[in-house]
C-alpha atoms as a PDB file:
ATOM      1  CA  MET A   1       0.371  -0.067  -0.173  1.00  0.00           C
ATOM      2  CA  ARG A   2       1.250   3.274  -0.929  1.00  0.00           C
ATOM      3  CA  ARG A   3       1.098   5.683   2.519  1.00  0.00           C
ATOM      4  CA  GLY A   4       3.339   7.868   1.307  1.00  0.00           C
ATOM      5  CA  PHE A   5       1.422   9.175  -1.912  1.00  0.00           C
ATOM      6  CA  PRO A   6      -0.962  11.550   0.086  1.00  0.00           C
ATOM      7  CA  ARG A   7       0.763  13.099   2.330  1.00  0.00           C
ATOM      8  CA  ARG A   8       2.619  14.189  -0.681  1.00  0.00           C
ATOM      9  CA  ALA A   9      -0.342  15.487  -2.583  1.00  0.00           C
ATOM     10  CA  GLY A  10      -1.398  17.296   0.630  1.00  0.00           C
ATOM     11  CA  ARG A  11       2.025  19.010   0.946  1.00  0.00           C
ATOM     12  CA  ARG A  12       1.793  19.776  -2.686  1.00  0.00           C
ATOM     13  CA  ALA A  13      -1.923  21.214  -2.596  1.00  0.00           C
ATOM     14  CA  GLU A  14      -0.011  23.607   0.558  1.00  0.00           C
ATOM     15  CA  ARG A  15       2.678  24.165  -1.116  1.00  0.00           C
ATOM     16  CA  LEU A  16       0.381  25.293  -4.069  1.00  0.00           C
ATOM     17  CA  ALA A  17      -2.229  27.882  -1.621  1.00  0.00           C
ATOM     18  CA  LEU A  18       0.752  29.793   0.075  1.00  0.00           C
ATOM     19  CA  LEU A  19       3.088  30.631  -2.968  1.00  0.00           C
ATOM     20  CA  ASN A  20      -0.905  31.679  -4.474  1.00  0.00           C
ATOM     21  CA  ASN A  21      -0.831  33.552  -0.916  1.00  0.00           C
ATOM     22  CA  ALA A  22       2.901  35.427  -2.170  1.00  0.00           C
ATOM     23  CA  ASN A  23       1.335  36.414  -5.579  1.00  0.00           C
ATOM     24  CA  GLN A  24      -1.589  37.943  -3.838  1.00  0.00           C
ATOM     25  CA  MET A  25       0.694  39.385  -1.279  1.00  0.00           C
ATOM     26  CA  MET A  26       3.383  40.831  -3.763  1.00  0.00           C
ATOM     27  CA  GLN A  27      -0.232  42.524  -6.314  1.00  0.00           C
ATOM     28  CA  ALA A  28      -1.431  43.734  -3.342  1.00  0.00           C
ATOM     29  CA  GLY A  29       1.924  45.350  -2.211  1.00  0.00           C
ATOM     30  CA  ASP A  30       2.011  43.589   1.011  1.00  0.00           C
ATOM     31  CA  TYR A  31       5.953  42.935   0.269  1.00  0.00           C
ATOM     32  CA  LYS A  32       6.391  41.624   3.254  1.00  0.00           C
ATOM     33  CA  GLY A  33       4.151  39.436   4.054  1.00  0.00           C
ATOM     34  CA  ALA A  34       5.055  37.947  -0.192  1.00  0.00           C
ATOM     35  CA  ALA A  35       8.753  38.007   1.837  1.00  0.00           C
ATOM     36  CA  ALA A  36       8.035  35.496   4.233  1.00  0.00           C
ATOM     37  CA  ALA A  37       6.107  33.457   1.953  1.00  0.00           C
ATOM     38  CA  PHE A  38       8.695  33.294  -0.062  1.00  0.00           C
ATOM     39  CA  ASP A  39      11.358  32.763   2.644  1.00  0.00           C
ATOM     40  CA  GLN A  40       9.338  29.481   3.441  1.00  0.00           C
ATOM     41  CA  LEU A  41       8.849  27.841  -0.090  1.00  0.00           C
ATOM     42  CA  ALA A  42      12.908  28.964  -1.066  1.00  0.00           C
ATOM     43  CA  ALA A  43      13.441  26.511   2.028  1.00  0.00           C
ATOM     44  CA  ALA A  44      11.691  23.857   1.230  1.00  0.00           C
ATOM     45  CA  ALA A  45      12.570  24.144  -2.188  1.00  0.00           C
ATOM     46  CA  GLU A  46      15.919  24.276  -1.678  1.00  0.00           C
ATOM     47  CA  ARG A  47      16.057  21.248   1.826  1.00  0.00           C
ATOM     48  CA  ARG A  48      14.261  18.799  -0.919  1.00  0.00           C
ATOM     49  CA  SER A  49      17.028  20.080  -4.013  1.00  0.00           C
ATOM     50  CA  GLY A  50      13.553  21.200  -6.016  1.00  0.00           C
ATOM     51  CA  ARG A  51      14.241  23.484  -9.551  1.00  0.00           C
ATOM     52  CA  ARG A  52      11.879  25.903  -7.867  1.00  0.00           C
ATOM     53  CA  ALA A  53      14.122  26.966  -5.550  1.00  0.00           C
ATOM     54  CA  PRO A  54      15.869  29.968  -7.861  1.00  0.00           C
ATOM     55  CA  MET A  55      12.744  31.507  -8.217  1.00  0.00           C
ATOM     56  CA  PHE A  56      11.844  31.640  -4.894  1.00  0.00           C
ATOM     57  CA  LEU A  57      14.905  33.214  -3.701  1.00  0.00           C
ATOM     58  CA  LEU A  58      14.639  35.057  -6.813  1.00  0.00           C
ATOM     59  CA  GLN A  59      10.543  36.241  -5.872  1.00  0.00           C
ATOM     60  CA  ALA A  60      11.914  36.593  -1.772  1.00  0.00           C
ATOM     61  CA  GLY A  61      14.885  38.482  -2.736  1.00  0.00           C
ATOM     62  CA  ARG A  62      12.803  40.702  -5.127  1.00  0.00           C
ATOM     63  CA  SER A  63       9.894  41.237  -2.477  1.00  0.00           C
ATOM     64  CA  ARG A  64      12.159  42.053   0.286  1.00  0.00           C
ATOM     65  CA  VAL A  65      13.525  44.601  -2.111  1.00  0.00           C
ATOM     66  CA  LEU A  66      10.297  46.270  -2.205  1.00  0.00           C
ATOM     67  CA  SER A  67       9.745  46.148   0.760  1.00  0.00           C
ATOM     68  CA  GLY A  68      12.824  48.898   1.541  1.00  0.00           C
ATOM     69  CA  GLY A  69      14.945  45.944   2.376  1.00  0.00           C
ATOM     70  CA  VAL A  70      18.156  46.134  -0.311  1.00  0.00           C
ATOM     71  CA  ALA A  71      20.723  44.516   1.860  1.00  0.00           C
ATOM     72  CA  GLU A  72      18.557  41.600   3.115  1.00  0.00           C
ATOM     73  CA  GLY A  73      16.929  41.062  -0.434  1.00  0.00           C
ATOM     74  CA  LEU A  74      20.299  41.776  -2.437  1.00  0.00           C
ATOM     75  CA  PRO A  75      21.924  37.944  -1.737  1.00  0.00           C
ATOM     76  CA  LEU A  76      18.724  36.009  -1.978  1.00  0.00           C
ATOM     77  CA  LEU A  77      18.921  37.379  -5.367  1.00  0.00           C
ATOM     78  CA  LYS A  78      22.193  36.510  -6.329  1.00  0.00           C
ATOM     79  CA  ARG A  79      21.310  33.475  -4.144  1.00  0.00           C
ATOM     80  CA  GLY A  80      18.608  32.592  -6.577  1.00  0.00           C
ATOM     81  CA  LEU A  81      20.849  33.893  -9.924  1.00  0.00           C
ATOM     82  CA  GLY A  82      24.137  31.357  -8.287  1.00  0.00           C
ATOM     83  CA  LEU A  83      21.120  28.030  -8.512  1.00  0.00           C
ATOM     84  CA  LEU A  84      20.127  28.968 -11.738  1.00  0.00           C
ATOM     85  CA  SER A  85      23.635  29.254 -12.978  1.00  0.00           C
ATOM     86  CA  ALA A  86      24.218  26.364 -10.907  1.00  0.00           C
ATOM     87  CA  ARG A  87      21.602  23.923 -12.957  1.00  0.00           C
ATOM     88  CA  GLY A  88      23.034  25.945 -16.321  1.00  0.00           C
ATOM     89  CA  ARG A  89      19.466  26.853 -16.770  1.00  0.00           C
ATOM     90  CA  TRP A  90      21.026  29.673 -19.136  1.00  0.00           C
ATOM     91  CA  LEU A  91      18.592  31.162 -20.491  1.00  0.00           C
ATOM     92  CA  GLY A  92      16.764  32.415 -17.530  1.00  0.00           C
ATOM     93  CA  PHE A  93      19.908  33.070 -15.318  1.00  0.00           C
ATOM     94  CA  GLN A  94      20.519  35.910 -18.171  1.00  0.00           C
ATOM     95  CA  ARG A  95      17.098  36.661 -18.802  1.00  0.00           C
ATOM     96  CA  ALA A  96      16.479  37.186 -15.578  1.00  0.00           C
ATOM     97  CA  GLY A  97      19.354  38.727 -14.361  1.00  0.00           C
ATOM     98  CA  GLN A  98      18.531  41.247 -16.471  1.00  0.00           C
ATOM     99  CA  ARG A  99      15.154  42.273 -15.359  1.00  0.00           C
ATOM    100  CA  ILE A 100      16.781  42.294 -12.407  1.00  0.00           C
ATOM    101  CA  ALA A 101      19.360  44.722 -12.481  1.00  0.00           C
ATOM    102  CA  SER A 102      16.561  47.047 -15.020  1.00  0.00           C
ATOM    103  CA  GLU A 103      14.576  46.957 -12.068  1.00  0.00           C
ATOM    104  CA  LEU A 104      16.898  47.787  -9.316  1.00  0.00           C
ATOM    105  CA  GLN A 105      18.414  50.102 -11.833  1.00  0.00           C
ATOM    106  CA  GLY A 106      14.697  51.814 -12.350  1.00  0.00           C
ATOM    107  CA  ARG A 107      14.632  52.115  -7.942  1.00  0.00           C
ATOM    108  CA  GLY A 108      18.239  53.977  -8.007  1.00  0.00           C
ATOM    109  CA  LEU A 109      19.851  51.535  -6.683  1.00  0.00           C
ATOM    110  CA  ALA A 110      23.412  51.549  -9.131  1.00  0.00           C
ATOM    111  CA  ALA A 111      25.655  49.515  -7.143  1.00  0.00           C
ATOM    112  CA  GLU A 112      22.707  47.003  -6.915  1.00  0.00           C
ATOM    113  CA  SER A 113      22.111  47.197 -10.469  1.00  0.00           C
ATOM    114  CA  ASN A 114      25.881  46.823 -11.275  1.00  0.00           C
ATOM    115  CA  GLU A 115      26.581  44.143  -8.909  1.00  0.00           C
ATOM    116  CA  ILE A 116      23.743  42.087 -10.556  1.00  0.00           C
ATOM    117  CA  GLU A 117      24.820  42.891 -14.258  1.00  0.00           C
ATOM    118  CA  ALA A 118      28.124  41.955 -13.458  1.00  0.00           C
ATOM    119  CA  LEU A 119      26.909  38.322 -12.324  1.00  0.00           C
ATOM    120  CA  PRO A 120      26.650  36.481 -16.056  1.00  0.00           C
ATOM    121  CA  ALA A 121      30.356  37.762 -17.021  1.00  0.00           C
ATOM    122  CA  GLN A 122      31.526  35.102 -14.097  1.00  0.00           C
ATOM    123  CA  SER A 123      29.203  33.264 -14.454  1.00  0.00           C
ATOM    124  CA  LEU A 124      28.464  31.903 -17.505  1.00  0.00           C
ATOM    125  CA  PRO A 125      30.734  29.495 -19.515  1.00  0.00           C
ATOM    126  CA  VAL A 126      32.767  30.683 -22.494  1.00  0.00           C
ATOM    127  CA  GLY A 127      30.582  30.385 -25.464  1.00  0.00           C
ATOM    128  CA  THR A 128      27.496  29.354 -23.947  1.00  0.00           C
ATOM    129  CA  PRO A 129      24.931  29.810 -26.638  1.00  0.00           C
ATOM    130  CA  ILE A 130      21.560  32.364 -25.989  1.00  0.00           C
ATOM    131  CA  PRO A 131      19.289  33.114 -28.130  1.00  0.00           C
ATOM    132  CA  ALA A 132      18.998  36.723 -28.903  1.00  0.00           C
ATOM    133  CA  ALA A 133      16.994  38.818 -26.842  1.00  0.00           C
ATOM    134  CA  GLY A 134      13.199  39.268 -28.856  1.00  0.00           C
ATOM    135  CA  THR A 135      12.401  36.142 -29.228  1.00  0.00           C
ATOM    136  CA  ARG A 136       9.069  35.765 -30.410  1.00  0.00           C
ATOM    137  CA  HIS A 137       6.699  33.788 -28.649  1.00  0.00           C
ATOM    138  CA  PRO A 138       2.814  33.464 -28.895  1.00  0.00           C
ATOM    139  CA  VAL A 139       0.621  35.156 -25.903  1.00  0.00           C
ATOM    140  CA  LEU A 140       0.862  33.718 -23.123  1.00  0.00           C
ATOM    141  CA  PRO A 141      -0.973  35.125 -19.821  1.00  0.00           C
ATOM    142  CA  THR A 142       0.083  37.203 -17.765  1.00  0.00           C
ATOM    143  CA  HIS A 143      -0.777  35.724 -15.262  1.00  0.00           C
ATOM    144  CA  CYS A 144      -0.774  31.301 -14.410  1.00  0.00           C
ATOM    145  CA  PRO A 145      -3.602  30.210 -14.173  1.00  0.00           C
ATOM    146  CA  ALA A 146      -2.677  27.704 -11.157  1.00  0.00           C
ATOM    147  CA  CYS A 147      -1.168  30.219  -8.882  1.00  0.00           C
ATOM    148  CA  GLY A 148      -1.307  33.694  -9.681  1.00  0.00           C
ATOM    149  CA  ALA A 149       2.908  34.092 -10.524  1.00  0.00           C
ATOM    150  CA  VAL A 150       3.952  36.831 -13.111  1.00  0.00           C
ATOM    151  CA  VAL A 151       4.365  34.768 -16.566  1.00  0.00           C
ATOM    152  CA  HIS A 152       7.842  36.127 -18.441  1.00  0.00           C
ATOM    153  CA  PRO A 153       7.596  34.704 -21.310  1.00  0.00           C
ATOM    154  CA  ASP A 154      11.201  34.939 -22.803  1.00  0.00           C
ATOM    155  CA  GLU A 155      11.982  33.176 -19.298  1.00  0.00           C
ATOM    156  CA  ILE A 156      10.020  29.736 -18.375  1.00  0.00           C
ATOM    157  CA  GLU A 157      10.438  26.828 -20.055  1.00  0.00           C
ATOM    158  CA  TRP A 158       9.029  26.137 -23.069  1.00  0.00           C
ATOM    159  CA  LEU A 159       7.448  22.464 -23.408  1.00  0.00           C
ATOM    160  CA  ASP A 160       6.079  22.716 -27.367  1.00  0.00           C
ATOM    161  CA  GLY A 161       5.438  25.598 -29.720  1.00  0.00           C
ATOM    162  CA  MET A 162       2.667  27.103 -27.702  1.00  0.00           C
ATOM    163  CA  THR A 163       2.865  25.269 -23.905  1.00  0.00           C
ATOM    164  CA  GLY A 164       5.347  26.791 -21.373  1.00  0.00           C
ATOM    165  CA  GLU A 165       6.135  26.077 -17.665  1.00  0.00           C
ATOM    166  CA  CYS A 166       5.362  28.265 -14.569  1.00  0.00           C
ATOM    167  CA  ASP A 167       8.429  28.968 -13.356  1.00  0.00           C
ATOM    168  CA  TYR A 168       7.025  28.567  -9.871  1.00  0.00           C
ATOM    169  CA  CYS A 169       4.186  25.324  -9.792  1.00  0.00           C
ATOM    170  CA  GLY A 170       4.588  23.711 -12.699  1.00  0.00           C
ATOM    171  CA  SER A 171       1.467  24.755 -14.779  1.00  0.00           C
ATOM    172  CA  PRO A 172       1.126  24.406 -18.478  1.00  0.00           C
ATOM    173  CA  LEU A 173       0.972  27.761 -19.759  1.00  0.00           C
ATOM    174  CA  ARG A 174      -1.422  27.280 -23.166  1.00  0.00           C
ATOM    175  CA  ALA A 175      -0.986  30.359 -25.574  1.00  0.00           C
ATOM    176  CA  GLN A 176      -4.017  32.561 -26.309  1.00  0.00           C
ATOM    177  CA  GLY A 177      -6.195  31.944 -28.885  1.00  0.00           C
END
């Protein structure tokens, strides 16, 4: 008898509920609450070497920065990017790094932006092929219907020409129309 399966399914449902709550807090501007939820998700994902840990770390760091905790947020952002790099997710690493650096620059955090911009030069192996920015993808929902996370089509993994995968919950995201 498979006793572990219902418990795992229950944990997954709890994580999805926490993720949905964290994304709702982000959208409502409750960055401190969102940071605490993303911290919890990141810690659980890192313990099990989950593939979503980098994204949870990036959101935890972003939440901290948005709540005014730049000193607490920057190390989380770097750790999230470092995990993407360590796992060979070069496209996500590069595009997330560019987005984060741009957001930091837009908040007047030039020194922090420069730190993030320097990471690809330190981490990407020489000759790593990175698709050009502006690669055209079908139009996806702006938010994941399952967890509410913001969808960045240039950063997600594409399953086929019409379907991407949510970086936060793994749900398939079908192109609209």
